[in-house]
PDB file of N, CA and C in Angstrom:
ATOM      1  N   MET A   1     -15.447   1.047 -15.886  1.00  0.00           N
ATOM      2  CA  MET A   1     -14.304   1.047 -15.028  1.00  0.00           C
ATOM      3  C   MET A   1     -13.717   2.481 -15.029  1.00  0.00           C
ATOM      4  N   THR A   2     -13.360   2.976 -13.867  1.00  0.00           N
ATOM      5  CA  THR A   2     -12.800   4.284 -13.751  1.00  0.00           C
ATOM      6  C   THR A   2     -11.275   4.271 -13.766  1.00  0.00           C
ATOM      7  N   ALA A   3     -10.662   5.407 -13.969  1.00  0.00           N
ATOM      8  CA  ALA A   3      -9.175   5.421 -13.937  1.00  0.00           C
ATOM      9  C   ALA A   3      -8.641   5.046 -12.585  1.00  0.00           C
ATOM     10  N   ALA A   4      -9.376   5.464 -11.528  1.00  0.00           N
ATOM     11  CA  ALA A   4      -8.949   5.106 -10.158  1.00  0.00           C
ATOM     12  C   ALA A   4      -9.002   3.615  -9.953  1.00  0.00           C
ATOM     13  N   HIS A   5     -10.036   2.965 -10.507  1.00  0.00           N
ATOM     14  CA  HIS A   5     -10.162   1.532 -10.408  1.00  0.00           C
ATOM     15  C   HIS A   5      -9.034   0.832 -11.173  1.00  0.00           C
ATOM     16  N   ASP A   6      -8.761   1.308 -12.366  1.00  0.00           N
ATOM     17  CA  ASP A   6      -7.634   0.734 -13.163  1.00  0.00           C
ATOM     18  C   ASP A   6      -6.336   0.896 -12.384  1.00  0.00           C
ATOM     19  N   TYR A   7      -6.134   2.017 -11.796  1.00  0.00           N
ATOM     20  CA  TYR A   7      -4.864   2.284 -11.067  1.00  0.00           C
ATOM     21  C   TYR A   7      -4.721   1.284  -9.931  1.00  0.00           C
ATOM     22  N   GLU A   8      -5.785   1.135  -9.123  1.00  0.00           N
ATOM     23  CA  GLU A   8      -5.748   0.169  -8.031  1.00  0.00           C
ATOM     24  C   GLU A   8      -5.552  -1.287  -8.517  1.00  0.00           C
ATOM     25  N   ASP A   9      -6.239  -1.625  -9.595  1.00  0.00           N
ATOM     26  CA  ASP A   9      -6.066  -2.964 -10.173  1.00  0.00           C
ATOM     27  C   ASP A   9      -4.590  -3.229 -10.546  1.00  0.00           C
ATOM     28  N   MET A  10      -3.981  -2.205 -11.197  1.00  0.00           N
ATOM     29  CA  MET A  10      -2.573  -2.351 -11.591  1.00  0.00           C
ATOM     30  C   MET A  10      -1.665  -2.489 -10.378  1.00  0.00           C
ATOM     31  N   HIS A  11      -1.939  -1.713  -9.340  1.00  0.00           N
ATOM     32  CA  HIS A  11      -1.174  -1.818  -8.129  1.00  0.00           C
ATOM     33  C   HIS A  11      -1.228  -3.233  -7.542  1.00  0.00           C
ATOM     34  N   HIS A  12      -2.425  -3.763  -7.463  1.00  0.00           N
ATOM     35  CA  HIS A  12      -2.575  -5.107  -6.940  1.00  0.00           C
ATOM     36  C   HIS A  12      -1.915  -6.173  -7.851  1.00  0.00           C
ATOM     37  N   LEU A  13      -2.012  -5.961  -9.103  1.00  0.00           N
ATOM     38  CA  LEU A  13      -1.355  -6.904 -10.034  1.00  0.00           C
ATOM     39  C   LEU A  13       0.180  -6.910  -9.857  1.00  0.00           C
ATOM     40  N   VAL A  14       0.753  -5.715  -9.799  1.00  0.00           N
ATOM     41  CA  VAL A  14       2.209  -5.646  -9.656  1.00  0.00           C
ATOM     42  C   VAL A  14       2.648  -6.156  -8.310  1.00  0.00           C
ATOM     43  N   ASP A  15       1.833  -5.916  -7.267  1.00  0.00           N
ATOM     44  CA  ASP A  15       2.150  -6.432  -5.930  1.00  0.00           C
ATOM     45  C   ASP A  15       2.170  -7.964  -5.881  1.00  0.00           C
ATOM     46  N   ARG A  16       1.389  -8.595  -6.734  1.00  0.00           N
ATOM     47  CA  ARG A  16       1.335 -10.052  -6.725  1.00  0.00           C
ATOM     48  C   ARG A  16       2.414 -10.679  -7.600  1.00  0.00           C
ATOM     49  N   LEU A  17       3.053  -9.928  -8.475  1.00  0.00           N
ATOM     50  CA  LEU A  17       4.043 -10.481  -9.375  1.00  0.00           C
ATOM     51  C   LEU A  17       5.336 -10.895  -8.629  1.00  0.00           C
ATOM     52  N   PRO A  18       5.910 -11.992  -9.048  1.00  0.00           N
ATOM     53  CA  PRO A  18       7.200 -12.350  -8.516  1.00  0.00           C
ATOM     54  C   PRO A  18       8.241 -11.419  -9.043  1.00  0.00           C
ATOM     55  N   PRO A  19       9.393 -11.217  -8.381  1.00  0.00           N
ATOM     56  CA  PRO A  19      10.431 -10.246  -8.752  1.00  0.00           C
ATOM     57  C   PRO A  19      10.886 -10.389 -10.232  1.00  0.00           C
ATOM     58  N   ALA A  20      11.014 -11.596 -10.738  1.00  0.00           N
ATOM     59  CA  ALA A  20      11.436 -11.778 -12.139  1.00  0.00           C
ATOM     60  C   ALA A  20      10.374 -11.213 -13.115  1.00  0.00           C
ATOM     61  N   ALA A  21       9.086 -11.348 -12.780  1.00  0.00           N
ATOM     62  CA  ALA A  21       8.031 -10.835 -13.627  1.00  0.00           C
ATOM     63  C   ALA A  21       7.980  -9.310 -13.565  1.00  0.00           C
ATOM     64  N   VAL A  22       8.304  -8.737 -12.420  1.00  0.00           N
ATOM     65  CA  VAL A  22       8.342  -7.274 -12.306  1.00  0.00           C
ATOM     66  C   VAL A  22       9.470  -6.726 -13.206  1.00  0.00           C
ATOM     67  N   ARG A  23      10.623  -7.373 -13.180  1.00  0.00           N
ATOM     68  CA  ARG A  23      11.736  -6.932 -14.021  1.00  0.00           C
ATOM     69  C   ARG A  23      11.358  -7.029 -15.470  1.00  0.00           C
ATOM     70  N   ARG A  24      10.663  -8.132 -15.856  1.00  0.00           N
ATOM     71  CA  ARG A  24      10.231  -8.289 -17.255  1.00  0.00           C
ATOM     72  C   ARG A  24       9.204  -7.216 -17.645  1.00  0.00           C
ATOM     73  N   LEU A  25       8.295  -6.878 -16.743  1.00  0.00           N
ATOM     74  CA  LEU A  25       7.305  -5.839 -17.004  1.00  0.00           C
ATOM     75  C   LEU A  25       8.008  -4.489 -17.186  1.00  0.00           C
ATOM     76  N   ARG A  26       9.046  -4.219 -16.372  1.00  0.00           N
ATOM     77  CA  ARG A  26       9.770  -2.961 -16.515  1.00  0.00           C
ATOM     78  C   ARG A  26      10.419  -2.917 -17.871  1.00  0.00           C
ATOM     79  N   VAL A  27      10.972  -4.005 -18.345  1.00  0.00           N
ATOM     80  CA  VAL A  27      11.634  -4.058 -19.684  1.00  0.00           C
ATOM     81  C   VAL A  27      10.623  -3.722 -20.763  1.00  0.00           C
ATOM     82  N   LEU A  28       9.447  -4.290 -20.613  1.00  0.00           N
ATOM     83  CA  LEU A  28       8.397  -4.009 -21.603  1.00  0.00           C
ATOM     84  C   LEU A  28       7.930  -2.561 -21.573  1.00  0.00           C
ATOM     85  N   VAL A  29       7.810  -1.973 -20.397  1.00  0.00           N
ATOM     86  CA  VAL A  29       7.409  -0.574 -20.322  1.00  0.00           C
ATOM     87  C   VAL A  29       8.497   0.276 -20.883  1.00  0.00           C
ATOM     88  N   GLU A  30       9.763   0.021 -20.583  1.00  0.00           N
ATOM     89  CA  GLU A  30      10.855   0.828 -21.089  1.00  0.00           C
ATOM     90  C   GLU A  30      11.026   0.728 -22.605  1.00  0.00           C
ATOM     91  N   ALA A  31      10.562  -0.371 -23.192  1.00  0.00           N
ATOM     92  CA  ALA A  31      10.643  -0.596 -24.651  1.00  0.00           C
ATOM     93  C   ALA A  31       9.547   0.112 -25.397  1.00  0.00           C
ATOM     94  N   ASP A  32       8.460   0.486 -24.719  1.00  0.00           N
ATOM     95  CA  ASP A  32       7.331   1.180 -25.374  1.00  0.00           C
ATOM     96  C   ASP A  32       7.594   2.685 -25.365  1.00  0.00           C
ATOM     97  N   PRO A  33       7.638   3.276 -26.551  1.00  0.00           N
ATOM     98  CA  PRO A  33       7.962   4.735 -26.619  1.00  0.00           C
ATOM     99  C   PRO A  33       6.985   5.601 -25.858  1.00  0.00           C
ATOM    100  N   GLU A  34       5.734   5.215 -25.804  1.00  0.00           N
ATOM    101  CA  GLU A  34       4.740   6.015 -25.048  1.00  0.00           C
ATOM    102  C   GLU A  34       4.923   5.910 -23.526  1.00  0.00           C
ATOM    103  N   LEU A  35       5.339   4.720 -23.062  1.00  0.00           N
ATOM    104  CA  LEU A  35       5.422   4.493 -21.654  1.00  0.00           C
ATOM    105  C   LEU A  35       6.830   4.674 -21.076  1.00  0.00           C
ATOM    106  N   ALA A  36       7.856   4.629 -21.906  1.00  0.00           N
ATOM    107  CA  ALA A  36       9.266   4.744 -21.440  1.00  0.00           C
ATOM    108  C   ALA A  36       9.525   5.966 -20.560  1.00  0.00           C
ATOM    109  N   PRO A  37       9.025   7.139 -20.892  1.00  0.00           N
ATOM    110  CA  PRO A  37       9.301   8.300 -20.040  1.00  0.00           C
ATOM    111  C   PRO A  37       8.819   8.093 -18.596  1.00  0.00           C
ATOM    112  N   TYR A  38       7.799   7.272 -18.381  1.00  0.00           N
ATOM    113  CA  TYR A  38       7.280   7.083 -17.046  1.00  0.00           C
ATOM    114  C   TYR A  38       8.089   6.078 -16.256  1.00  0.00           C
ATOM    115  N   ALA A  39       8.928   5.283 -16.926  1.00  0.00           N
ATOM    116  CA  ALA A  39       9.722   4.243 -16.277  1.00  0.00           C
ATOM    117  C   ALA A  39      10.993   4.824 -15.712  1.00  0.00           C
ATOM    118  N   HIS A  40      11.370   6.015 -16.106  1.00  0.00           N
ATOM    119  CA  HIS A  40      12.639   6.580 -15.615  1.00  0.00           C
ATOM    120  C   HIS A  40      12.398   7.470 -14.472  1.00  0.00           C
ATOM    121  N   ALA A  41      13.424   7.585 -13.623  1.00  0.00           N
ATOM    122  CA  ALA A  41      13.319   8.413 -12.389  1.00  0.00           C
ATOM    123  C   ALA A  41      13.068   9.848 -12.793  1.00  0.00           C
ATOM    124  N   THR A  42      12.350  10.507 -11.875  1.00  0.00           N
ATOM    125  CA  THR A  42      12.036  11.942 -12.089  1.00  0.00           C
ATOM    126  C   THR A  42      12.478  12.732 -10.884  1.00  0.00           C
ATOM    127  N   ASP A  43      12.319  14.044 -10.933  1.00  0.00           N
ATOM    128  CA  ASP A  43      12.698  14.900  -9.830  1.00  0.00           C
ATOM    129  C   ASP A  43      11.577  14.981  -8.792  1.00  0.00           C
ATOM    130  N   GLU A  44      10.486  14.253  -9.007  1.00  0.00           N
ATOM    131  CA  GLU A  44       9.369  14.288  -8.101  1.00  0.00           C
ATOM    132  C   GLU A  44       9.738  13.551  -6.788  1.00  0.00           C
ATOM    133  N   PRO A  45       9.088  13.906  -5.666  1.00  0.00           N
ATOM    134  CA  PRO A  45       9.362  13.214  -4.413  1.00  0.00           C
ATOM    135  C   PRO A  45       9.070  11.721  -4.519  1.00  0.00           C
ATOM    136  N   ASP A  46       9.703  10.958  -3.683  1.00  0.00           N
ATOM    137  CA  ASP A  46       9.522   9.502  -3.683  1.00  0.00           C
ATOM    138  C   ASP A  46       8.070   9.162  -3.437  1.00  0.00           C
ATOM    139  N   GLN A  47       7.442   8.395  -4.319  1.00  0.00           N
ATOM    140  CA  GLN A  47       6.029   8.053  -4.273  1.00  0.00           C
ATOM    141  C   GLN A  47       5.787   6.604  -3.705  1.00  0.00           C
ATOM    142  N   ARG A  48       6.850   5.973  -3.239  1.00  0.00           N
ATOM    143  CA  ARG A  48       6.664   4.613  -2.706  1.00  0.00           C
ATOM    144  C   ARG A  48       5.823   4.605  -1.450  1.00  0.00           C
ATOM    145  N   ARG A  49       5.093   3.516  -1.302  1.00  0.00           N
ATOM    146  CA  ARG A  49       4.275   3.380  -0.080  1.00  0.00           C
ATOM    147  C   ARG A  49       5.188   3.138   1.108  1.00  0.00           C
ATOM    148  N   HIS A  50       4.778   3.711   2.234  1.00  0.00           N
ATOM    149  CA  HIS A  50       5.513   3.571   3.442  1.00  0.00           C
ATOM    150  C   HIS A  50       4.703   2.746   4.424  1.00  0.00           C
ATOM    151  N   LEU A  51       5.342   2.087   5.317  1.00  0.00           N
ATOM    152  CA  LEU A  51       4.671   1.300   6.334  1.00  0.00           C
ATOM    153  C   LEU A  51       3.874   2.210   7.264  1.00  0.00           C
ATOM    154  N   SER A  52       2.730   1.769   7.692  1.00  0.00           N
ATOM    155  CA  SER A  52       1.936   2.518   8.628  1.00  0.00           C
ATOM    156  C   SER A  52       2.512   2.364  10.062  1.00  0.00           C
ATOM    157  N   PHE A  53       2.481   3.459  10.782  1.00  0.00           N
ATOM    158  CA  PHE A  53       2.935   3.405  12.168  1.00  0.00           C
ATOM    159  C   PHE A  53       1.799   3.326  13.140  1.00  0.00           C
ATOM    160  N   ILE A  54       0.590   3.078  12.611  1.00  0.00           N
ATOM    161  CA  ILE A  54      -0.589   2.988  13.518  1.00  0.00           C
ATOM    162  C   ILE A  54      -0.394   1.755  14.358  1.00  0.00           C
ATOM    163  N   GLY A  55      -0.624   1.877  15.650  1.00  0.00           N
ATOM    164  CA  GLY A  55      -0.581   0.705  16.532  1.00  0.00           C
ATOM    165  C   GLY A  55       0.782   0.425  17.133  1.00  0.00           C
ATOM    166  N   LEU A  56       1.780   1.286  16.886  1.00  0.00           N
ATOM    167  CA  LEU A  56       3.115   1.027  17.394  1.00  0.00           C
ATOM    168  C   LEU A  56       3.336   1.669  18.782  1.00  0.00           C
ATOM    169  N   GLY A  57       2.368   2.440  19.232  1.00  0.00           N
ATOM    170  CA  GLY A  57       2.501   3.088  20.545  1.00  0.00           C
ATOM    171  C   GLY A  57       2.390   2.119  21.688  1.00  0.00           C
ATOM    172  N   ALA A  58       2.925   2.483  22.827  1.00  0.00           N
ATOM    173  CA  ALA A  58       2.891   1.652  24.015  1.00  0.00           C
ATOM    174  C   ALA A  58       1.677   2.070  24.855  1.00  0.00           C
ATOM    175  N   SER A  59       0.706   1.159  24.993  1.00  0.00           N
ATOM    176  CA  SER A  59      -0.487   1.456  25.743  1.00  0.00           C
ATOM    177  C   SER A  59      -0.433   0.930  27.170  1.00  0.00           C
ATOM    178  N   GLY A  60       0.557   0.103  27.436  1.00  0.00           N
ATOM    179  CA  GLY A  60       0.635  -0.516  28.783  1.00  0.00           C
ATOM    180  C   GLY A  60      -0.168  -1.791  28.896  1.00  0.00           C
ATOM    181  N   ARG A  61      -0.951  -2.123  27.857  1.00  0.00           N
ATOM    182  CA  ARG A  61      -1.707  -3.390  27.821  1.00  0.00           C
ATOM    183  C   ARG A  61      -0.973  -4.342  26.948  1.00  0.00           C
ATOM    184  N   SER A  62      -0.993  -5.625  27.368  1.00  0.00           N
ATOM    185  CA  SER A  62      -0.356  -6.644  26.589  1.00  0.00           C
ATOM    186  C   SER A  62      -1.324  -7.455  25.787  1.00  0.00           C
ATOM    187  N   ASP A  63      -2.614  -7.266  26.000  1.00  0.00           N
ATOM    188  CA  ASP A  63      -3.644  -8.091  25.390  1.00  0.00           C
ATOM    189  C   ASP A  63      -4.460  -7.411  24.305  1.00  0.00           C
ATOM    190  N   ILE A  64      -3.915  -6.304  23.777  1.00  0.00           N
ATOM    191  CA  ILE A  64      -4.748  -5.492  22.841  1.00  0.00           C
ATOM    192  C   ILE A  64      -5.106  -6.260  21.583  1.00  0.00           C
ATOM    193  N   SER A  65      -4.139  -6.981  21.006  1.00  0.00           N
ATOM    194  CA  SER A  65      -4.448  -7.684  19.757  1.00  0.00           C
ATOM    195  C   SER A  65      -5.453  -8.806  19.955  1.00  0.00           C
ATOM    196  N   GLU A  66      -5.439  -9.443  21.106  1.00  0.00           N
ATOM    197  CA  GLU A  66      -6.409 -10.520  21.319  1.00  0.00           C
ATOM    198  C   GLU A  66      -7.791  -9.950  21.608  1.00  0.00           C
ATOM    199  N   ARG A  67      -7.852  -8.785  22.259  1.00  0.00           N
ATOM    200  CA  ARG A  67      -9.101  -8.247  22.760  1.00  0.00           C
ATOM    201  C   ARG A  67      -9.546  -6.949  21.997  1.00  0.00           C
ATOM    202  N   HIS A  68      -9.021  -6.731  20.837  1.00  0.00           N
ATOM    203  CA  HIS A  68      -9.315  -5.443  20.128  1.00  0.00           C
ATOM    204  C   HIS A  68     -10.793  -5.193  19.890  1.00  0.00           C
ATOM    205  N   ASP A  69     -11.559  -6.212  19.527  1.00  0.00           N
ATOM    206  CA  ASP A  69     -13.026  -5.981  19.330  1.00  0.00           C
ATOM    207  C   ASP A  69     -13.678  -5.607  20.624  1.00  0.00           C
ATOM    208  N   GLU A  70     -13.381  -6.274  21.735  1.00  0.00           N
ATOM    209  CA  GLU A  70     -13.973  -5.997  23.012  1.00  0.00           C
ATOM    210  C   GLU A  70     -13.546  -4.562  23.479  1.00  0.00           C
ATOM    211  N   LEU A  71     -12.271  -4.203  23.331  1.00  0.00           N
ATOM    212  CA  LEU A  71     -11.818  -2.869  23.763  1.00  0.00           C
ATOM    213  C   LEU A  71     -12.471  -1.753  22.962  1.00  0.00           C
ATOM    214  N   LEU A  72     -12.639  -1.986  21.677  1.00  0.00           N
ATOM    215  CA  LEU A  72     -13.329  -0.978  20.845  1.00  0.00           C
ATOM    216  C   LEU A  72     -14.745  -0.794  21.266  1.00  0.00           C
ATOM    217  N   ARG A  73     -15.440  -1.902  21.517  1.00  0.00           N
ATOM    218  CA  ARG A  73     -16.845  -1.829  21.947  1.00  0.00           C
ATOM    219  C   ARG A  73     -16.964  -1.060  23.270  1.00  0.00           C
ATOM    220  N   GLU A  74     -16.029  -1.321  24.198  1.00  0.00           N
ATOM    221  CA  GLU A  74     -16.025  -0.608  25.492  1.00  0.00           C
ATOM    222  C   GLU A  74     -15.837   0.889  25.285  1.00  0.00           C
ATOM    223  N   GLU A  75     -14.920   1.292  24.414  1.00  0.00           N
ATOM    224  CA  GLU A  75     -14.678   2.714  24.153  1.00  0.00           C
ATOM    225  C   GLU A  75     -15.868   3.387  23.447  1.00  0.00           C
ATOM    226  N   LEU A  76     -16.459   2.672  22.500  1.00  0.00           N
ATOM    227  CA  LEU A  76     -17.614   3.209  21.743  1.00  0.00           C
ATOM    228  C   LEU A  76     -18.866   3.332  22.578  1.00  0.00           C
ATOM    229  N   ASP A  77     -19.016   2.447  23.575  1.00  0.00           N
ATOM    230  CA  ASP A  77     -20.220   2.485  24.421  1.00  0.00           C
ATOM    231  C   ASP A  77     -20.090   3.531  25.547  1.00  0.00           C
ATOM    232  N   ARG A  78     -18.887   3.995  25.722  1.00  0.00           N
ATOM    233  CA  ARG A  78     -18.652   4.967  26.825  1.00  0.00           C
ATOM    234  C   ARG A  78     -19.238   6.302  26.473  1.00  0.00           C
ATOM    235  N   PRO A  79     -20.034   6.943  27.401  1.00  0.00           N
ATOM    236  CA  PRO A  79     -20.638   8.256  27.073  1.00  0.00           C
ATOM    237  C   PRO A  79     -19.541   9.328  27.011  1.00  0.00           C
ATOM    238  N   SER A  80     -19.774  10.316  26.146  1.00  0.00           N
ATOM    239  CA  SER A  80     -18.710  11.365  25.947  1.00  0.00           C
ATOM    240  C   SER A  80     -18.624  12.329  27.120  1.00  0.00           C
TER     241      SER A  80
END
């Protein structure tokens, strides 16, 4: 297992936890002398994930979500 894999696994684990379990996990991390420094806010920029804005544009078509596979095929088959 790589560090990147561990990191992703932990992200998925925390994402699945109910709010009470996240609070409990935070208490455990803050109580561990090795991990406590990472639990406190830093001067680094906000690292939270942000929502993607892909697909929010207005295309003028109302059926894009229903026909996305067909529309992609049409675009990919079109000669350059």
